[in-house]
Amino acid sequence: MNNFAKEWANTNGSGISEDVITQAIGEMTQTVEELTNSFSEMTQEVVAETMVEMNSAFEELADTFSEISQELDLEKSIFEIIVNFFNSEEWQFQIIQEQKSLRLVFQGNNGKWDCYANAREKQQQFVFYSVCPIKVPENQRLAIAEFITRVN
C-alpha cells in the first residue's frame, strides 16, 4: 500500500511528501484495525447471544425429557400412562378394564369416529385403533382393502 501511494504521487507529479503518505497510511491502518475490533466485538456478542439461546433450548429439552422419564416410571403400567395422557388432554373415554383398553369418540369434519387405545403390557406396546364410520359397498371392498394395505 505504501509503494502504491509513493508511485501514485510520483506519477501524478504531486508534491505530497513521504511523511504525509506515511501519516495517511497510518490513519488508514488504524481505521482498519478499529473496524476489525468492532466486527470482532459484534461477533462475540452474537455468538454469546446464540450460546445463551442454545443453552436455554437445551435446558427446556432436558426438562421435557425429565418429565417424560418421570411419566415412564417403570412402576406405572402402559395402561396407566395411556389413561393419564388422555386425562391430561381432556379427552372423554370409557375404560374397558378386562381388555386394558379405552374407547374414545372423535368428532371430525367427516363424521364421528370410534377409537380404541389398547395397552399390550407383555409386548410393551400401545396400540391405537380408529374405526371408520362409513360402510364400504361390497363391490368396492377389494379396492379399499388394497388401498388400506398400501397406506399402512
Protein backbone atom coordinates (compact mmCIF):
# COMPACT_ATOMS: atom_id res chain seq x y z
CA MET A 1 0.00 0.00 0.00
CA ASN A 2 2.89 2.30 0.88
CA ASN A 3 4.55 1.67 -2.50
CA PHE A 4 1.28 2.32 -4.34
CA ALA A 5 0.90 5.72 -2.66
CA LYS A 6 4.50 6.68 -3.44
CA GLU A 7 4.18 5.60 -7.08
CA TRP A 8 0.90 7.45 -7.45
CA ALA A 9 2.41 10.62 -6.02
CA ASN A 10 5.46 10.37 -8.32
CA THR A 11 3.36 9.57 -11.40
CA ASN A 12 0.88 12.36 -10.85
CA GLY A 13 3.57 14.90 -10.06
CA SER A 14 2.09 15.60 -6.70
CA GLY A 15 4.11 17.37 -4.08
CA ILE A 16 2.89 15.07 -1.34
CA SER A 17 5.73 14.34 0.98
CA GLU A 18 6.66 10.91 2.22
CA ASP A 19 5.66 11.95 5.75
CA VAL A 20 2.13 12.82 4.61
CA ILE A 21 1.82 9.49 2.84
CA THR A 22 3.11 7.64 5.88
CA GLN A 23 0.64 9.51 8.08
CA ALA A 24 -2.26 8.72 5.72
CA ILE A 25 -1.30 5.06 5.62
CA GLY A 26 -1.06 5.04 9.42
CA GLU A 27 -4.55 6.53 9.72
CA MET A 28 -5.93 4.02 7.23
CA THR A 29 -4.29 1.18 9.13
CA GLN A 30 -5.75 2.44 12.40
CA THR A 31 -9.22 2.69 10.83
CA VAL A 32 -8.97 -0.89 9.53
CA GLU A 33 -7.86 -2.09 12.98
CA GLU A 34 -10.78 -0.27 14.64
CA LEU A 35 -13.22 -1.81 12.15
CA THR A 36 -11.73 -5.24 12.76
CA ASN A 37 -12.06 -4.79 16.52
CA SER A 38 -15.68 -3.60 16.12
CA PHE A 39 -16.53 -6.62 13.97
CA SER A 40 -14.82 -8.88 16.48
CA GLU A 41 -16.83 -7.40 19.37
CA MET A 42 -20.08 -7.69 17.39
CA THR A 43 -19.26 -11.29 16.50
CA GLN A 44 -18.54 -12.08 20.14
CA GLU A 45 -21.88 -10.56 21.17
CA VAL A 46 -23.78 -12.52 18.52
CA VAL A 47 -22.01 -15.75 19.49
CA ALA A 48 -22.70 -15.09 23.19
CA GLU A 49 -26.40 -14.41 22.50
CA THR A 50 -26.63 -17.53 20.35
CA MET A 51 -24.99 -19.63 23.06
CA VAL A 52 -27.47 -18.29 25.65
CA GLU A 53 -30.38 -19.17 23.35
CA MET A 54 -28.98 -22.64 22.67
CA ASN A 55 -28.41 -23.21 26.38
CA SER A 56 -32.00 -22.20 27.09
CA ALA A 57 -33.29 -24.56 24.39
CA PHE A 58 -31.21 -27.45 25.76
CA GLU A 59 -32.47 -26.74 29.30
CA GLU A 60 -36.08 -26.87 28.04
CA LEU A 61 -35.32 -30.11 26.22
CA ALA A 62 -33.74 -31.59 29.35
CA ASP A 63 -36.81 -30.58 31.38
CA THR A 64 -39.07 -32.22 28.79
CA PHE A 65 -37.03 -35.43 28.86
CA SER A 66 -37.14 -35.36 32.65
CA GLU A 67 -40.93 -35.05 32.61
CA ILE A 68 -41.23 -37.89 30.10
CA SER A 69 -38.91 -40.14 32.08
CA GLN A 70 -40.94 -39.46 35.22
CA GLU A 71 -44.09 -40.37 33.31
CA LEU A 72 -42.48 -43.57 32.06
CA ASP A 73 -41.73 -44.68 35.58
CA LEU A 74 -41.18 -48.42 35.48
CA GLU A 75 -43.70 -48.84 38.27
CA LYS A 76 -46.50 -47.49 36.07
CA SER A 77 -48.17 -49.72 33.56
CA ILE A 78 -48.64 -48.70 29.96
CA PHE A 79 -52.37 -48.62 30.63
CA GLU A 80 -51.90 -46.10 33.47
CA ILE A 81 -49.75 -43.93 31.23
CA ILE A 82 -52.41 -44.02 28.48
CA VAL A 83 -55.15 -43.07 30.95
CA ASN A 84 -53.02 -40.23 32.35
CA PHE A 85 -52.29 -38.93 28.85
CA PHE A 86 -55.92 -38.81 27.72
CA ASN A 87 -56.96 -37.27 31.05
CA SER A 88 -54.30 -34.56 30.69
CA GLU A 89 -55.50 -33.85 27.13
CA GLU A 90 -59.11 -33.73 28.43
CA TRP A 91 -60.41 -36.48 26.14
CA GLN A 92 -63.60 -38.23 27.19
CA PHE A 93 -63.28 -42.03 27.26
CA GLN A 94 -64.69 -45.24 28.65
CA ILE A 95 -62.42 -47.81 30.27
CA ILE A 96 -62.74 -51.40 29.06
CA GLN A 97 -61.00 -52.86 32.11
CA GLU A 98 -60.86 -56.54 31.11
CA GLN A 99 -59.06 -55.60 27.89
CA LYS A 100 -56.89 -52.81 29.33
CA SER A 101 -58.35 -50.55 26.66
CA LEU A 102 -60.04 -47.21 26.32
CA ARG A 103 -62.92 -46.41 23.99
CA LEU A 104 -62.88 -42.86 22.71
CA VAL A 105 -65.06 -40.96 20.27
CA PHE A 106 -63.58 -38.41 17.90
CA GLN A 107 -65.78 -35.93 16.03
CA GLY A 108 -64.20 -34.68 12.80
CA ASN A 109 -65.23 -32.96 9.58
CA ASN A 110 -66.23 -36.29 8.02
CA GLY A 111 -68.17 -37.76 10.90
CA LYS A 112 -67.83 -39.40 14.27
CA TRP A 113 -65.08 -41.98 14.72
CA ASP A 114 -64.84 -44.71 17.32
CA CYS A 115 -61.28 -45.10 18.57
CA TYR A 116 -59.66 -47.63 20.87
CA ALA A 117 -56.45 -47.22 22.85
CA ASN A 118 -55.10 -50.61 23.85
CA ALA A 119 -52.26 -51.41 26.27
CA ARG A 120 -50.32 -54.58 25.49
CA GLU A 121 -48.28 -54.83 28.67
CA LYS A 122 -46.41 -58.05 27.89
CA GLN A 123 -45.29 -56.74 24.49
CA GLN A 124 -44.72 -53.24 25.95
CA GLN A 125 -46.90 -51.75 23.22
CA PHE A 126 -49.54 -49.09 22.89
CA VAL A 127 -51.95 -49.67 20.00
CA PHE A 128 -54.45 -47.08 18.78
CA TYR A 129 -57.31 -48.16 16.52
CA SER A 130 -59.65 -45.90 14.61
CA VAL A 131 -62.86 -47.32 13.15
CA CYS A 132 -64.20 -45.58 10.06
CA PRO A 133 -67.94 -44.90 10.35
CA ILE A 134 -68.54 -45.30 6.61
CA LYS A 135 -69.67 -48.68 5.32
CA VAL A 136 -67.92 -49.56 2.10
CA PRO A 137 -70.16 -51.03 -0.62
CA GLU A 138 -69.37 -54.69 -1.20
CA ASN A 139 -68.29 -54.15 -4.83
CA GLN A 140 -65.58 -51.65 -3.68
CA ARG A 141 -64.21 -53.53 -0.67
CA LEU A 142 -61.33 -55.14 -2.59
CA ALA A 143 -60.12 -51.72 -3.82
CA ILE A 144 -60.44 -50.24 -0.31
CA ALA A 145 -58.61 -53.22 1.24
CA GLU A 146 -55.77 -52.76 -1.25
CA PHE A 147 -55.66 -49.02 -0.52
CA ILE A 148 -55.51 -49.57 3.25
CA THR A 149 -52.81 -52.21 2.82
CA ARG A 150 -50.69 -49.86 0.73
CA VAL A 151 -51.21 -46.90 3.08
CA ASN A 152 -50.18 -48.93 6.11
